[in-house]
Amino acid sequence: MSGGEGDGGVRARRMTGAPHLERRCSRLARVLEASPGDEITLLRAARALKGVHCQLAEAVRDAAGGWTYYDRAVAQRALSSMERDLRHVLLNHQTLRDQQVRSCLLHAVQQSFQVLDVMQALDLLAC
């Protein structure tokens, strides 16, 4: 069975994807905390976080079974907050100070970790 077929394929893809996404988020957090205010670096980080958001949203959407209403609500709220932060940065970056951009992006990273925490907790419960 390939990675995208059936429930087992989605679950396998989600379990191997979470560590990869967690590493990406950790790397982005380090870049944002260490960045001296380079606008290009901040915008690249925003674009990378947009990709992380898309992957997390897909993982939450694909994981129909095994999630409680509360787990799904926590993940959806974090994803919505993350999307709002990223949209604000990507649409208004020209009028924002670098520190405001960095603050929004760090909040988006925190929200991505919240979704990853829910995903990992559910994987541990399923074992």
PDB file of N, CA and C in Angstrom:
ATOM      1  N   MET A   1       0.846  -1.173   0.000  1.00  0.00           N
ATOM      2  CA  MET A   1       0.000   0.000   0.000  1.00  0.00           C
ATOM      3  C   MET A   1       0.889   1.233   0.000  1.00  0.00           C
ATOM      4  N   SER A   2       0.638   2.163  -0.834  1.00  0.00           N
ATOM      5  CA  SER A   2       1.459   3.372  -0.909  1.00  0.00           C
ATOM      6  C   SER A   2       1.100   4.317   0.225  1.00  0.00           C
ATOM      7  N   GLY A   3       1.917   5.369   0.418  1.00  0.00           N
ATOM      8  CA  GLY A   3       1.760   6.304   1.521  1.00  0.00           C
ATOM      9  C   GLY A   3       0.451   7.043   1.553  1.00  0.00           C
ATOM     10  N   GLY A   4      -0.271   7.164   0.436  1.00  0.00           N
ATOM     11  CA  GLY A   4      -1.487   7.933   0.422  1.00  0.00           C
ATOM     12  C   GLY A   4      -2.744   7.109   0.377  1.00  0.00           C
ATOM     13  N   GLU A   5      -2.642   5.780   0.343  1.00  0.00           N
ATOM     14  CA  GLU A   5      -3.822   4.939   0.204  1.00  0.00           C
ATOM     15  C   GLU A   5      -4.290   4.438   1.552  1.00  0.00           C
ATOM     16  N   GLY A   6      -5.595   4.492   1.781  1.00  0.00           N
ATOM     17  CA  GLY A   6      -6.185   3.897   2.969  1.00  0.00           C
ATOM     18  C   GLY A   6      -5.773   4.584   4.250  1.00  0.00           C
ATOM     19  N   ASP A   7      -6.380   4.147   5.348  1.00  0.00           N
ATOM     20  CA  ASP A   7      -6.101   4.751   6.648  1.00  0.00           C
ATOM     21  C   ASP A   7      -4.666   4.503   7.100  1.00  0.00           C
ATOM     22  N   GLY A   8      -4.128   3.321   6.837  1.00  0.00           N
ATOM     23  CA  GLY A   8      -2.763   3.011   7.256  1.00  0.00           C
ATOM     24  C   GLY A   8      -1.743   3.911   6.577  1.00  0.00           C
ATOM     25  N   GLY A   9      -1.965   4.231   5.312  1.00  0.00           N
ATOM     26  CA  GLY A   9      -1.039   5.092   4.585  1.00  0.00           C
ATOM     27  C   GLY A   9      -1.032   6.503   5.120  1.00  0.00           C
ATOM     28  N   VAL A  10      -2.207   7.032   5.444  1.00  0.00           N
ATOM     29  CA  VAL A  10      -2.290   8.383   5.984  1.00  0.00           C
ATOM     30  C   VAL A  10      -1.612   8.420   7.348  1.00  0.00           C
ATOM     31  N   ARG A  11      -1.872   7.424   8.162  1.00  0.00           N
ATOM     32  CA  ARG A  11      -1.276   7.380   9.494  1.00  0.00           C
ATOM     33  C   ARG A  11       0.250   7.279   9.395  1.00  0.00           C
ATOM     34  N   ALA A  12       0.748   6.459   8.511  1.00  0.00           N
ATOM     35  CA  ALA A  12       2.198   6.312   8.355  1.00  0.00           C
ATOM     36  C   ALA A  12       2.824   7.622   7.882  1.00  0.00           C
ATOM     37  N   ARG A  13       2.171   8.286   6.958  1.00  0.00           N
ATOM     38  CA  ARG A  13       2.693   9.551   6.447  1.00  0.00           C
ATOM     39  C   ARG A  13       2.682  10.603   7.559  1.00  0.00           C
ATOM     40  N   ARG A  14       1.639  10.613   8.381  1.00  0.00           N
ATOM     41  CA  ARG A  14       1.520  11.585   9.452  1.00  0.00           C
ATOM     42  C   ARG A  14       2.601  11.351  10.500  1.00  0.00           C
ATOM     43  N   MET A  15       2.883  10.112  10.827  1.00  0.00           N
ATOM     44  CA  MET A  15       3.875   9.828  11.857  1.00  0.00           C
ATOM     45  C   MET A  15       5.280  10.169  11.377  1.00  0.00           C
ATOM     46  N   THR A  16       5.576   9.932  10.115  1.00  0.00           N
ATOM     47  CA  THR A  16       6.908  10.279   9.632  1.00  0.00           C
ATOM     48  C   THR A  16       6.995  11.770   9.335  1.00  0.00           C
ATOM     49  N   GLY A  17       5.857  12.428   9.082  1.00  0.00           N
ATOM     50  CA  GLY A  17       5.859  13.851   8.781  1.00  0.00           C
ATOM     51  C   GLY A  17       6.021  14.732   9.999  1.00  0.00           C
ATOM     52  N   ALA A  18       5.488  14.300  11.163  1.00  0.00           N
ATOM     53  CA  ALA A  18       5.539  15.134  12.363  1.00  0.00           C
ATOM     54  C   ALA A  18       6.969  15.450  12.798  1.00  0.00           C
ATOM     55  N   PRO A  19       7.889  14.472  12.866  1.00  0.00           N
ATOM     56  CA  PRO A  19       9.270  14.823  13.248  1.00  0.00           C
ATOM     57  C   PRO A  19       9.925  15.789  12.255  1.00  0.00           C
ATOM     58  N   HIS A  20       9.644  15.594  10.978  1.00  0.00           N
ATOM     59  CA  HIS A  20      10.189  16.495   9.957  1.00  0.00           C
ATOM     60  C   HIS A  20       9.658  17.914  10.167  1.00  0.00           C
ATOM     61  N   LEU A  21       8.343  18.041  10.396  1.00  0.00           N
ATOM     62  CA  LEU A  21       7.751  19.360  10.620  1.00  0.00           C
ATOM     63  C   LEU A  21       8.275  19.982  11.909  1.00  0.00           C
ATOM     64  N   GLU A  22       8.469  19.162  12.925  1.00  0.00           N
ATOM     65  CA  GLU A  22       8.996  19.682  14.187  1.00  0.00           C
ATOM     66  C   GLU A  22      10.413  20.222  14.002  1.00  0.00           C
ATOM     67  N   ARG A  23      11.229  19.525  13.221  1.00  0.00           N
ATOM     68  CA  ARG A  23      12.597  20.016  12.947  1.00  0.00           C
ATOM     69  C   ARG A  23      12.547  21.331  12.173  1.00  0.00           C
ATOM     70  N   ARG A  24      11.640  21.411  11.191  1.00  0.00           N
ATOM     71  CA  ARG A  24      11.512  22.660  10.420  1.00  0.00           C
ATOM     72  C   ARG A  24      11.102  23.818  11.316  1.00  0.00           C
ATOM     73  N   CYS A  25      10.138  23.562  12.192  1.00  0.00           N
ATOM     74  CA  CYS A  25       9.674  24.609  13.099  1.00  0.00           C
ATOM     75  C   CYS A  25      10.769  25.037  14.069  1.00  0.00           C
ATOM     76  N   SER A  26      11.517  24.078  14.576  1.00  0.00           N
ATOM     77  CA  SER A  26      12.624  24.401  15.484  1.00  0.00           C
ATOM     78  C   SER A  26      13.677  25.246  14.775  1.00  0.00           C
ATOM     79  N   ARG A  27      13.970  24.870  13.541  1.00  0.00           N
ATOM     80  CA  ARG A  27      14.960  25.630  12.759  1.00  0.00           C
ATOM     81  C   ARG A  27      14.460  27.053  12.505  1.00  0.00           C
ATOM     82  N   LEU A  28      13.181  27.191  12.158  1.00  0.00           N
ATOM     83  CA  LEU A  28      12.616  28.516  11.914  1.00  0.00           C
ATOM     84  C   LEU A  28      12.618  29.357  13.191  1.00  0.00           C
ATOM     85  N   ALA A  29      12.311  28.741  14.323  1.00  0.00           N
ATOM     86  CA  ALA A  29      12.330  29.470  15.593  1.00  0.00           C
ATOM     87  C   ALA A  29      13.736  29.992  15.893  1.00  0.00           C
ATOM     88  N   ARG A  30      14.751  29.150  15.656  1.00  0.00           N
ATOM     89  CA  ARG A  30      16.137  29.593  15.886  1.00  0.00           C
ATOM     90  C   ARG A  30      16.504  30.758  14.970  1.00  0.00           C
ATOM     91  N   VAL A  31      16.092  30.681  13.712  1.00  0.00           N
ATOM     92  CA  VAL A  31      16.386  31.760  12.760  1.00  0.00           C
ATOM     93  C   VAL A  31      15.713  33.053  13.208  1.00  0.00           C
ATOM     94  N   LEU A  32      14.453  32.951  13.622  1.00  0.00           N
ATOM     95  CA  LEU A  32      13.713  34.145  14.020  1.00  0.00           C
ATOM     96  C   LEU A  32      14.265  34.756  15.306  1.00  0.00           C
ATOM     97  N   GLU A  33      14.715  33.925  16.220  1.00  0.00           N
ATOM     98  CA  GLU A  33      15.255  34.447  17.472  1.00  0.00           C
ATOM     99  C   GLU A  33      16.643  35.048  17.276  1.00  0.00           C
ATOM    100  N   ALA A  34      17.396  34.566  16.302  1.00  0.00           N
ATOM    101  CA  ALA A  34      18.766  35.031  16.097  1.00  0.00           C
ATOM    102  C   ALA A  34      18.886  36.102  15.017  1.00  0.00           C
ATOM    103  N   SER A  35      17.864  36.281  14.217  1.00  0.00           N
ATOM    104  CA  SER A  35      17.938  37.190  13.078  1.00  0.00           C
ATOM    105  C   SER A  35      18.120  38.641  13.536  1.00  0.00           C
ATOM    106  N   PRO A  36      19.054  39.360  12.920  1.00  0.00           N
ATOM    107  CA  PRO A  36      19.279  40.753  13.302  1.00  0.00           C
ATOM    108  C   PRO A  36      18.260  41.725  12.705  1.00  0.00           C
ATOM    109  N   GLY A  37      17.253  41.237  12.022  1.00  0.00           N
ATOM    110  CA  GLY A  37      16.254  42.147  11.478  1.00  0.00           C
ATOM    111  C   GLY A  37      16.273  42.245   9.973  1.00  0.00           C
ATOM    112  N   ASP A  38      16.851  41.285   9.309  1.00  0.00           N
ATOM    113  CA  ASP A  38      16.921  41.264   7.860  1.00  0.00           C
ATOM    114  C   ASP A  38      15.524  40.955   7.302  1.00  0.00           C
ATOM    115  N   GLU A  39      14.962  41.896   6.560  1.00  0.00           N
ATOM    116  CA  GLU A  39      13.605  41.758   6.036  1.00  0.00           C
ATOM    117  C   GLU A  39      13.467  40.538   5.116  1.00  0.00           C
ATOM    118  N   ILE A  40      14.469  40.277   4.312  1.00  0.00           N
ATOM    119  CA  ILE A  40      14.415  39.142   3.391  1.00  0.00           C
ATOM    120  C   ILE A  40      14.371  37.833   4.164  1.00  0.00           C
ATOM    121  N   THR A  41      15.178  37.721   5.206  1.00  0.00           N
ATOM    122  CA  THR A  41      15.177  36.507   6.033  1.00  0.00           C
ATOM    123  C   THR A  41      13.816  36.313   6.685  1.00  0.00           C
ATOM    124  N   LEU A  42      13.231  37.393   7.176  1.00  0.00           N
ATOM    125  CA  LEU A  42      11.918  37.297   7.813  1.00  0.00           C
ATOM    126  C   LEU A  42      10.845  36.870   6.822  1.00  0.00           C
ATOM    127  N   LEU A  43      10.881  37.404   5.620  1.00  0.00           N
ATOM    128  CA  LEU A  43       9.885  37.026   4.612  1.00  0.00           C
ATOM    129  C   LEU A  43      10.080  35.589   4.133  1.00  0.00           C
ATOM    130  N   ARG A  44      11.318  35.144   4.050  1.00  0.00           N
ATOM    131  CA  ARG A  44      11.572  33.736   3.713  1.00  0.00           C
ATOM    132  C   ARG A  44      11.027  32.823   4.808  1.00  0.00           C
ATOM    133  N   ALA A  45      11.216  33.229   6.042  1.00  0.00           N
ATOM    134  CA  ALA A  45      10.682  32.447   7.162  1.00  0.00           C
ATOM    135  C   ALA A  45       9.155  32.412   7.106  1.00  0.00           C
ATOM    136  N   ALA A  46       8.537  33.521   6.742  1.00  0.00           N
ATOM    137  CA  ALA A  46       7.070  33.562   6.617  1.00  0.00           C
ATOM    138  C   ALA A  46       6.594  32.596   5.534  1.00  0.00           C
ATOM    139  N   ARG A  47       7.281  32.582   4.410  1.00  0.00           N
ATOM    140  CA  ARG A  47       6.907  31.662   3.326  1.00  0.00           C
ATOM    141  C   ARG A  47       7.100  30.204   3.745  1.00  0.00           C
ATOM    142  N   ALA A  48       8.188  29.929   4.459  1.00  0.00           N
ATOM    143  CA  ALA A  48       8.428  28.568   4.947  1.00  0.00           C
ATOM    144  C   ALA A  48       7.344  28.162   5.941  1.00  0.00           C
ATOM    145  N   LEU A  49       6.953  29.088   6.813  1.00  0.00           N
ATOM    146  CA  LEU A  49       5.891  28.793   7.773  1.00  0.00           C
ATOM    147  C   LEU A  49       4.544  28.588   7.084  1.00  0.00           C
ATOM    148  N   LYS A  50       4.347  29.268   5.979  1.00  0.00           N
ATOM    149  CA  LYS A  50       3.122  29.049   5.213  1.00  0.00           C
ATOM    150  C   LYS A  50       3.076  27.607   4.707  1.00  0.00           C
ATOM    151  N   GLY A  51       4.216  27.096   4.257  1.00  0.00           N
ATOM    152  CA  GLY A  51       4.288  25.700   3.829  1.00  0.00           C
ATOM    153  C   GLY A  51       4.042  24.738   4.978  1.00  0.00           C
ATOM    154  N   VAL A  52       4.595  25.043   6.147  1.00  0.00           N
ATOM    155  CA  VAL A  52       4.362  24.220   7.333  1.00  0.00           C
ATOM    156  C   VAL A  52       2.877  24.232   7.680  1.00  0.00           C
ATOM    157  N   HIS A  53       2.275  25.411   7.618  1.00  0.00           N
ATOM    158  CA  HIS A  53       0.839  25.527   7.903  1.00  0.00           C
ATOM    159  C   HIS A  53       0.023  24.642   6.965  1.00  0.00           C
ATOM    160  N   CYS A  54       0.349  24.668   5.693  1.00  0.00           N
ATOM    161  CA  CYS A  54      -0.383  23.836   4.718  1.00  0.00           C
ATOM    162  C   CYS A  54      -0.238  22.353   5.041  1.00  0.00           C
ATOM    163  N   GLN A  55       0.967  21.925   5.397  1.00  0.00           N
ATOM    164  CA  GLN A  55       1.184  20.516   5.735  1.00  0.00           C
ATOM    165  C   GLN A  55       0.457  20.124   7.009  1.00  0.00           C
ATOM    166  N   LEU A  56       0.468  21.001   8.002  1.00  0.00           N
ATOM    167  CA  LEU A  56      -0.248  20.712   9.246  1.00  0.00           C
ATOM    168  C   LEU A  56      -1.748  20.655   9.011  1.00  0.00           C
ATOM    169  N   ALA A  57      -2.270  21.595   8.231  1.00  0.00           N
ATOM    170  CA  ALA A  57      -3.704  21.609   7.942  1.00  0.00           C
ATOM    171  C   ALA A  57      -4.116  20.338   7.210  1.00  0.00           C
ATOM    172  N   GLU A  58      -3.288  19.888   6.283  1.00  0.00           N
ATOM    173  CA  GLU A  58      -3.576  18.647   5.561  1.00  0.00           C
ATOM    174  C   GLU A  58      -3.551  17.447   6.506  1.00  0.00           C
ATOM    175  N   ALA A  59      -2.591  17.409   7.408  1.00  0.00           N
ATOM    176  CA  ALA A  59      -2.488  16.305   8.358  1.00  0.00           C
ATOM    177  C   ALA A  59      -3.708  16.264   9.281  1.00  0.00           C
ATOM    178  N   VAL A  60      -4.153  17.429   9.739  1.00  0.00           N
ATOM    179  CA  VAL A  60      -5.336  17.488  10.604  1.00  0.00           C
ATOM    180  C   VAL A  60      -6.572  17.050   9.828  1.00  0.00           C
ATOM    181  N   ARG A  61      -6.691  17.509   8.603  1.00  0.00           N
ATOM    182  CA  ARG A  61      -7.839  17.154   7.764  1.00  0.00           C
ATOM    183  C   ARG A  61      -7.858  15.655   7.454  1.00  0.00           C
ATOM    184  N   ASP A  62      -6.690  15.075   7.181  1.00  0.00           N
ATOM    185  CA  ASP A  62      -6.606  13.656   6.835  1.00  0.00           C
ATOM    186  C   ASP A  62      -6.838  12.732   8.027  1.00  0.00           C
ATOM    187  N   ALA A  63      -6.607  13.243   9.224  1.00  0.00           N
ATOM    188  CA  ALA A  63      -6.728  12.410  10.426  1.00  0.00           C
ATOM    189  C   ALA A  63      -8.156  12.463  10.944  1.00  0.00           C
ATOM    190  N   ALA A  64      -9.087  11.928  10.183  1.00  0.00           N
ATOM    191  CA  ALA A  64     -10.506  12.008  10.545  1.00  0.00           C
ATOM    192  C   ALA A  64     -10.819  11.169  11.778  1.00  0.00           C
ATOM    193  N   GLY A  65     -10.266   9.984  11.880  1.00  0.00           N
ATOM    194  CA  GLY A  65     -10.573   9.106  13.002  1.00  0.00           C
ATOM    195  C   GLY A  65      -9.577   9.262  14.125  1.00  0.00           C
ATOM    196  N   GLY A  66     -10.001   8.979  15.344  1.00  0.00           N
ATOM    197  CA  GLY A  66      -9.102   8.973  16.478  1.00  0.00           C
ATOM    198  C   GLY A  66      -8.930  10.314  17.162  1.00  0.00           C
ATOM    199  N   TRP A  67      -9.498  11.369  16.614  1.00  0.00           N
ATOM    200  CA  TRP A  67      -9.372  12.682  17.228  1.00  0.00           C
ATOM    201  C   TRP A  67     -10.660  12.989  17.995  1.00  0.00           C
ATOM    202  N   THR A  68     -10.523  13.456  19.212  1.00  0.00           N
ATOM    203  CA  THR A  68     -11.693  13.905  19.947  1.00  0.00           C
ATOM    204  C   THR A  68     -12.084  15.287  19.431  1.00  0.00           C
ATOM    205  N   TYR A  69     -13.268  15.705  19.798  1.00  0.00           N
ATOM    206  CA  TYR A  69     -13.725  17.036  19.411  1.00  0.00           C
ATOM    207  C   TYR A  69     -12.761  18.089  19.967  1.00  0.00           C
ATOM    208  N   TYR A  70     -12.327  17.897  21.215  1.00  0.00           N
ATOM    209  CA  TYR A  70     -11.417  18.851  21.853  1.00  0.00           C
ATOM    210  C   TYR A  70     -10.083  18.930  21.105  1.00  0.00           C
ATOM    211  N   ASP A  71      -9.509  17.767  20.760  1.00  0.00           N
ATOM    212  CA  ASP A  71      -8.230  17.751  20.041  1.00  0.00           C
ATOM    213  C   ASP A  71      -8.335  18.484  18.714  1.00  0.00           C
ATOM    214  N   ARG A  72      -9.406  18.205  17.993  1.00  0.00           N
ATOM    215  CA  ARG A  72      -9.598  18.857  16.700  1.00  0.00           C
ATOM    216  C   ARG A  72      -9.796  20.370  16.875  1.00  0.00           C
ATOM    217  N   ALA A  73     -10.533  20.758  17.913  1.00  0.00           N
ATOM    218  CA  ALA A  73     -10.762  22.180  18.167  1.00  0.00           C
ATOM    219  C   ALA A  73      -9.460  22.906  18.512  1.00  0.00           C
ATOM    220  N   VAL A  74      -8.629  22.278  19.338  1.00  0.00           N
ATOM    221  CA  VAL A  74      -7.331  22.878  19.695  1.00  0.00           C
ATOM    222  C   VAL A  74      -6.477  23.047  18.443  1.00  0.00           C
ATOM    223  N   ALA A  75      -6.419  22.003  17.624  1.00  0.00           N
ATOM    224  CA  ALA A  75      -5.605  22.061  16.406  1.00  0.00           C
ATOM    225  C   ALA A  75      -6.150  23.113  15.437  1.00  0.00           C
ATOM    226  N   GLN A  76      -7.462  23.156  15.254  1.00  0.00           N
ATOM    227  CA  GLN A  76      -8.063  24.121  14.317  1.00  0.00           C
ATOM    228  C   GLN A  76      -7.853  25.556  14.803  1.00  0.00           C
ATOM    229  N   ARG A  77      -7.978  25.768  16.119  1.00  0.00           N
ATOM    230  CA  ARG A  77      -7.767  27.113  16.659  1.00  0.00           C
ATOM    231  C   ARG A  77      -6.322  27.557  16.444  1.00  0.00           C
ATOM    232  N   ALA A  78      -5.389  26.653  16.682  1.00  0.00           N
ATOM    233  CA  ALA A  78      -3.971  26.983  16.480  1.00  0.00           C
ATOM    234  C   ALA A  78      -3.686  27.253  15.002  1.00  0.00           C
ATOM    235  N   LEU A  79      -4.262  26.439  14.122  1.00  0.00           N
ATOM    236  CA  LEU A  79      -4.064  26.651  12.687  1.00  0.00           C
ATOM    237  C   LEU A  79      -4.653  27.981  12.226  1.00  0.00           C
ATOM    238  N   SER A  80      -5.826  28.332  12.743  1.00  0.00           N
ATOM    239  CA  SER A  80      -6.449  29.613  12.385  1.00  0.00           C
ATOM    240  C   SER A  80      -5.610  30.791  12.859  1.00  0.00           C
ATOM    241  N   SER A  81      -5.091  30.686  14.073  1.00  0.00           N
ATOM    242  CA  SER A  81      -4.229  31.744  14.611  1.00  0.00           C
ATOM    243  C   SER A  81      -2.952  31.871  13.785  1.00  0.00           C
ATOM    244  N   MET A  82      -2.399  30.731  13.435  1.00  0.00           N
ATOM    245  CA  MET A  82      -1.186  30.710  12.616  1.00  0.00           C
ATOM    246  C   MET A  82      -1.446  31.365  11.251  1.00  0.00           C
ATOM    247  N   GLU A  83      -2.567  30.997  10.640  1.00  0.00           N
ATOM    248  CA  GLU A  83      -2.920  31.581   9.342  1.00  0.00           C
ATOM    249  C   GLU A  83      -3.116  33.092   9.443  1.00  0.00           C
ATOM    250  N   ARG A  84      -3.767  33.539  10.500  1.00  0.00           N
ATOM    251  CA  ARG A  84      -3.995  34.966  10.701  1.00  0.00           C
ATOM    252  C   ARG A  84      -2.667  35.711  10.825  1.00  0.00           C
ATOM    253  N   ASP A  85      -1.738  35.162  11.611  1.00  0.00           N
ATOM    254  CA  ASP A  85      -0.416  35.794  11.761  1.00  0.00           C
ATOM    255  C   ASP A  85       0.324  35.863  10.426  1.00  0.00           C
ATOM    256  N   LEU A  86       0.311  34.756   9.703  1.00  0.00           N
ATOM    257  CA  LEU A  86       1.032  34.714   8.426  1.00  0.00           C
ATOM    258  C   LEU A  86       0.404  35.646   7.399  1.00  0.00           C
ATOM    259  N   ARG A  87      -0.903  35.683   7.359  1.00  0.00           N
ATOM    260  CA  ARG A  87      -1.585  36.585   6.419  1.00  0.00           C
ATOM    261  C   ARG A  87      -1.244  38.032   6.739  1.00  0.00           C
ATOM    262  N   HIS A  88      -1.263  38.373   8.026  1.00  0.00           N
ATOM    263  CA  HIS A  88      -0.938  39.737   8.449  1.00  0.00           C
ATOM    264  C   HIS A  88       0.473  40.122   7.994  1.00  0.00           C
ATOM    265  N   VAL A  89       1.425  39.220   8.200  1.00  0.00           N
ATOM    266  CA  VAL A  89       2.810  39.502   7.817  1.00  0.00           C
ATOM    267  C   VAL A  89       2.952  39.600   6.297  1.00  0.00           C
ATOM    268  N   LEU A  90       2.410  38.630   5.584  1.00  0.00           N
ATOM    269  CA  LEU A  90       2.623  38.591   4.134  1.00  0.00           C
ATOM    270  C   LEU A  90       1.899  39.720   3.401  1.00  0.00           C
ATOM    271  N   LEU A  91       0.768  40.160   3.930  1.00  0.00           N
ATOM    272  CA  LEU A  91       0.030  41.235   3.263  1.00  0.00           C
ATOM    273  C   LEU A  91       0.466  42.633   3.709  1.00  0.00           C
ATOM    274  N   ASN A  92       0.987  42.743   4.926  1.00  0.00           N
ATOM    275  CA  ASN A  92       1.284  44.068   5.481  1.00  0.00           C
ATOM    276  C   ASN A  92       2.754  44.287   5.825  1.00  0.00           C
ATOM    277  N   HIS A  93       3.645  43.427   5.354  1.00  0.00           N
ATOM    278  CA  HIS A  93       5.045  43.515   5.764  1.00  0.00           C
ATOM    279  C   HIS A  93       5.678  44.864   5.464  1.00  0.00           C
ATOM    280  N   GLN A  94       5.203  45.552   4.437  1.00  0.00           N
ATOM    281  CA  GLN A  94       5.807  46.836   4.083  1.00  0.00           C
ATOM    282  C   GLN A  94       5.517  47.916   5.114  1.00  0.00           C
ATOM    283  N   THR A  95       4.421  47.762   5.856  1.00  0.00           N
ATOM    284  CA  THR A  95       4.060  48.769   6.853  1.00  0.00           C
ATOM    285  C   THR A  95       4.434  48.353   8.274  1.00  0.00           C
ATOM    286  N   LEU A  96       4.948  47.133   8.443  1.00  0.00           N
ATOM    287  CA  LEU A  96       5.301  46.633   9.767  1.00  0.00           C
ATOM    288  C   LEU A  96       6.794  46.803  10.029  1.00  0.00           C
ATOM    289  N   ARG A  97       7.141  47.029  11.285  1.00  0.00           N
ATOM    290  CA  ARG A  97       8.545  47.037  11.680  1.00  0.00           C
ATOM    291  C   ARG A  97       9.026  45.593  11.757  1.00  0.00           C
ATOM    292  N   ASP A  98      10.326  45.401  11.600  1.00  0.00           N
ATOM    293  CA  ASP A  98      10.891  44.044  11.635  1.00  0.00           C
ATOM    294  C   ASP A  98      10.539  43.324  12.930  1.00  0.00           C
ATOM    295  N   GLN A  99      10.533  44.040  14.045  1.00  0.00           N
ATOM    296  CA  GLN A  99      10.208  43.413  15.327  1.00  0.00           C
ATOM    297  C   GLN A  99       8.753  42.935  15.355  1.00  0.00           C
ATOM    298  N   GLN A 100       7.845  43.684  14.714  1.00  0.00           N
ATOM    299  CA  GLN A 100       6.453  43.256  14.641  1.00  0.00           C
ATOM    300  C   GLN A 100       6.317  41.997  13.784  1.00  0.00           C
ATOM    301  N   VAL A 101       7.047  41.972  12.679  1.00  0.00           N
ATOM    302  CA  VAL A 101       7.034  40.798  11.806  1.00  0.00           C
ATOM    303  C   VAL A 101       7.574  39.597  12.571  1.00  0.00           C
ATOM    304  N   ARG A 102       8.700  39.774  13.235  1.00  0.00           N
ATOM    305  CA  ARG A 102       9.314  38.688  13.997  1.00  0.00           C
ATOM    306  C   ARG A 102       8.359  38.181  15.075  1.00  0.00           C
ATOM    307  N   SER A 103       7.688  39.082  15.758  1.00  0.00           N
ATOM    308  CA  SER A 103       6.749  38.697  16.814  1.00  0.00           C
ATOM    309  C   SER A 103       5.606  37.855  16.260  1.00  0.00           C
ATOM    310  N   CYS A 104       5.045  38.265  15.138  1.00  0.00           N
ATOM    311  CA  CYS A 104       3.964  37.501  14.500  1.00  0.00           C
ATOM    312  C   CYS A 104       4.452  36.119  14.064  1.00  0.00           C
ATOM    313  N   LEU A 105       5.652  36.076  13.509  1.00  0.00           N
ATOM    314  CA  LEU A 105       6.181  34.801  13.034  1.00  0.00           C
ATOM    315  C   LEU A 105       6.517  33.858  14.192  1.00  0.00           C
ATOM    316  N   LEU A 106       7.048  34.402  15.271  1.00  0.00           N
ATOM    317  CA  LEU A 106       7.319  33.557  16.437  1.00  0.00           C
ATOM    318  C   LEU A 106       6.020  33.011  17.026  1.00  0.00           C
ATOM    319  N   HIS A 107       4.978  33.825  17.016  1.00  0.00           N
ATOM    320  CA  HIS A 107       3.673  33.339  17.481  1.00  0.00           C
ATOM    321  C   HIS A 107       3.162  32.233  16.567  1.00  0.00           C
ATOM    322  N   ALA A 108       3.357  32.381  15.275  1.00  0.00           N
ATOM    323  CA  ALA A 108       2.939  31.341  14.326  1.00  0.00           C
ATOM    324  C   ALA A 108       3.707  30.041  14.577  1.00  0.00           C
ATOM    325  N   VAL A 109       4.996  30.149  14.879  1.00  0.00           N
ATOM    326  CA  VAL A 109       5.786  28.956  15.193  1.00  0.00           C
ATOM    327  C   VAL A 109       5.247  28.292  16.457  1.00  0.00           C
ATOM    328  N   GLN A 110       4.918  29.091  17.473  1.00  0.00           N
ATOM    329  CA  GLN A 110       4.350  28.531  18.706  1.00  0.00           C
ATOM    330  C   GLN A 110       3.052  27.780  18.418  1.00  0.00           C
ATOM    331  N   GLN A 111       2.238  28.329  17.543  1.00  0.00           N
ATOM    332  CA  GLN A 111       0.981  27.681  17.194  1.00  0.00           C
ATOM    333  C   GLN A 111       1.232  26.371  16.453  1.00  0.00           C
ATOM    334  N   SER A 112       2.258  26.341  15.609  1.00  0.00           N
ATOM    335  CA  SER A 112       2.574  25.100  14.896  1.00  0.00           C
ATOM    336  C   SER A 112       3.010  24.018  15.887  1.00  0.00           C
ATOM    337  N   PHE A 113       3.767  24.403  16.909  1.00  0.00           N
ATOM    338  CA  PHE A 113       4.169  23.439  17.937  1.00  0.00           C
ATOM    339  C   PHE A 113       2.951  22.915  18.704  1.00  0.00           C
ATOM    340  N   GLN A 114       1.955  23.759  18.888  1.00  0.00           N
ATOM    341  CA  GLN A 114       0.748  23.320  19.575  1.00  0.00           C
ATOM    342  C   GLN A 114       0.031  22.236  18.763  1.00  0.00           C
ATOM    343  N   VAL A 115      -0.060  22.423  17.457  1.00  0.00           N
ATOM    344  CA  VAL A 115      -0.678  21.407  16.591  1.00  0.00           C
ATOM    345  C   VAL A 115       0.159  20.129  16.623  1.00  0.00           C
ATOM    346  N   LEU A 116       1.470  20.269  16.538  1.00  0.00           N
ATOM    347  CA  LEU A 116       2.347  19.095  16.582  1.00  0.00           C
ATOM    348  C   LEU A 116       2.214  18.352  17.910  1.00  0.00           C
ATOM    349  N   ASP A 117       2.057  19.083  18.996  1.00  0.00           N
ATOM    350  CA  ASP A 117       1.869  18.441  20.302  1.00  0.00           C
ATOM    351  C   ASP A 117       0.608  17.586  20.321  1.00  0.00           C
ATOM    352  N   VAL A 118      -0.474  18.108  19.756  1.00  0.00           N
ATOM    353  CA  VAL A 118      -1.729  17.340  19.693  1.00  0.00           C
ATOM    354  C   VAL A 118      -1.527  16.097  18.834  1.00  0.00           C
ATOM    355  N   MET A 119      -0.881  16.263  17.688  1.00  0.00           N
ATOM    356  CA  MET A 119      -0.649  15.126  16.799  1.00  0.00           C
ATOM    357  C   MET A 119       0.189  14.052  17.485  1.00  0.00           C
ATOM    358  N   GLN A 120       1.244  14.467  18.164  1.00  0.00           N
ATOM    359  CA  GLN A 120       2.120  13.500  18.812  1.00  0.00           C
ATOM    360  C   GLN A 120       1.437  12.824  19.996  1.00  0.00           C
ATOM    361  N   ALA A 121       0.632  13.550  20.750  1.00  0.00           N
ATOM    362  CA  ALA A 121      -0.089  12.957  21.867  1.00  0.00           C
ATOM    363  C   ALA A 121      -1.056  11.882  21.358  1.00  0.00           C
ATOM    364  N   LEU A 122      -1.706  12.148  20.248  1.00  0.00           N
ATOM    365  CA  LEU A 122      -2.643  11.169  19.699  1.00  0.00           C
ATOM    366  C   LEU A 122      -1.910   9.939  19.157  1.00  0.00           C
ATOM    367  N   ASP A 123      -0.734  10.137  18.588  1.00  0.00           N
ATOM    368  CA  ASP A 123       0.054   8.997  18.119  1.00  0.00           C
ATOM    369  C   ASP A 123       0.491   8.128  19.289  1.00  0.00           C
ATOM    370  N   LEU A 124       0.851   8.771  20.406  1.00  0.00           N
ATOM    371  CA  LEU A 124       1.254   8.009  21.590  1.00  0.00           C
ATOM    372  C   LEU A 124       0.078   7.234  22.164  1.00  0.00           C
ATOM    373  N   LEU A 125      -1.106   7.834  22.142  1.00  0.00           N
ATOM    374  CA  LEU A 125      -2.283   7.146  22.661  1.00  0.00           C
ATOM    375  C   LEU A 125      -2.682   5.972  21.783  1.00  0.00           C
ATOM    376  N   ALA A 126      -2.404   6.072  20.496  1.00  0.00           N
ATOM    377  CA  ALA A 126      -2.801   5.016  19.552  1.00  0.00           C
ATOM    378  C   ALA A 126      -1.882   3.814  19.631  1.00  0.00           C
ATOM    379  N   CYS A 127      -0.670   3.948  20.200  1.00  0.00           N
ATOM    380  CA  CYS A 127       0.291   2.836  20.262  1.00  0.00           C
ATOM    381  C   CYS A 127      -0.098   1.794  21.259  1.00  0.00           C
TER     382      CYS A 127
END
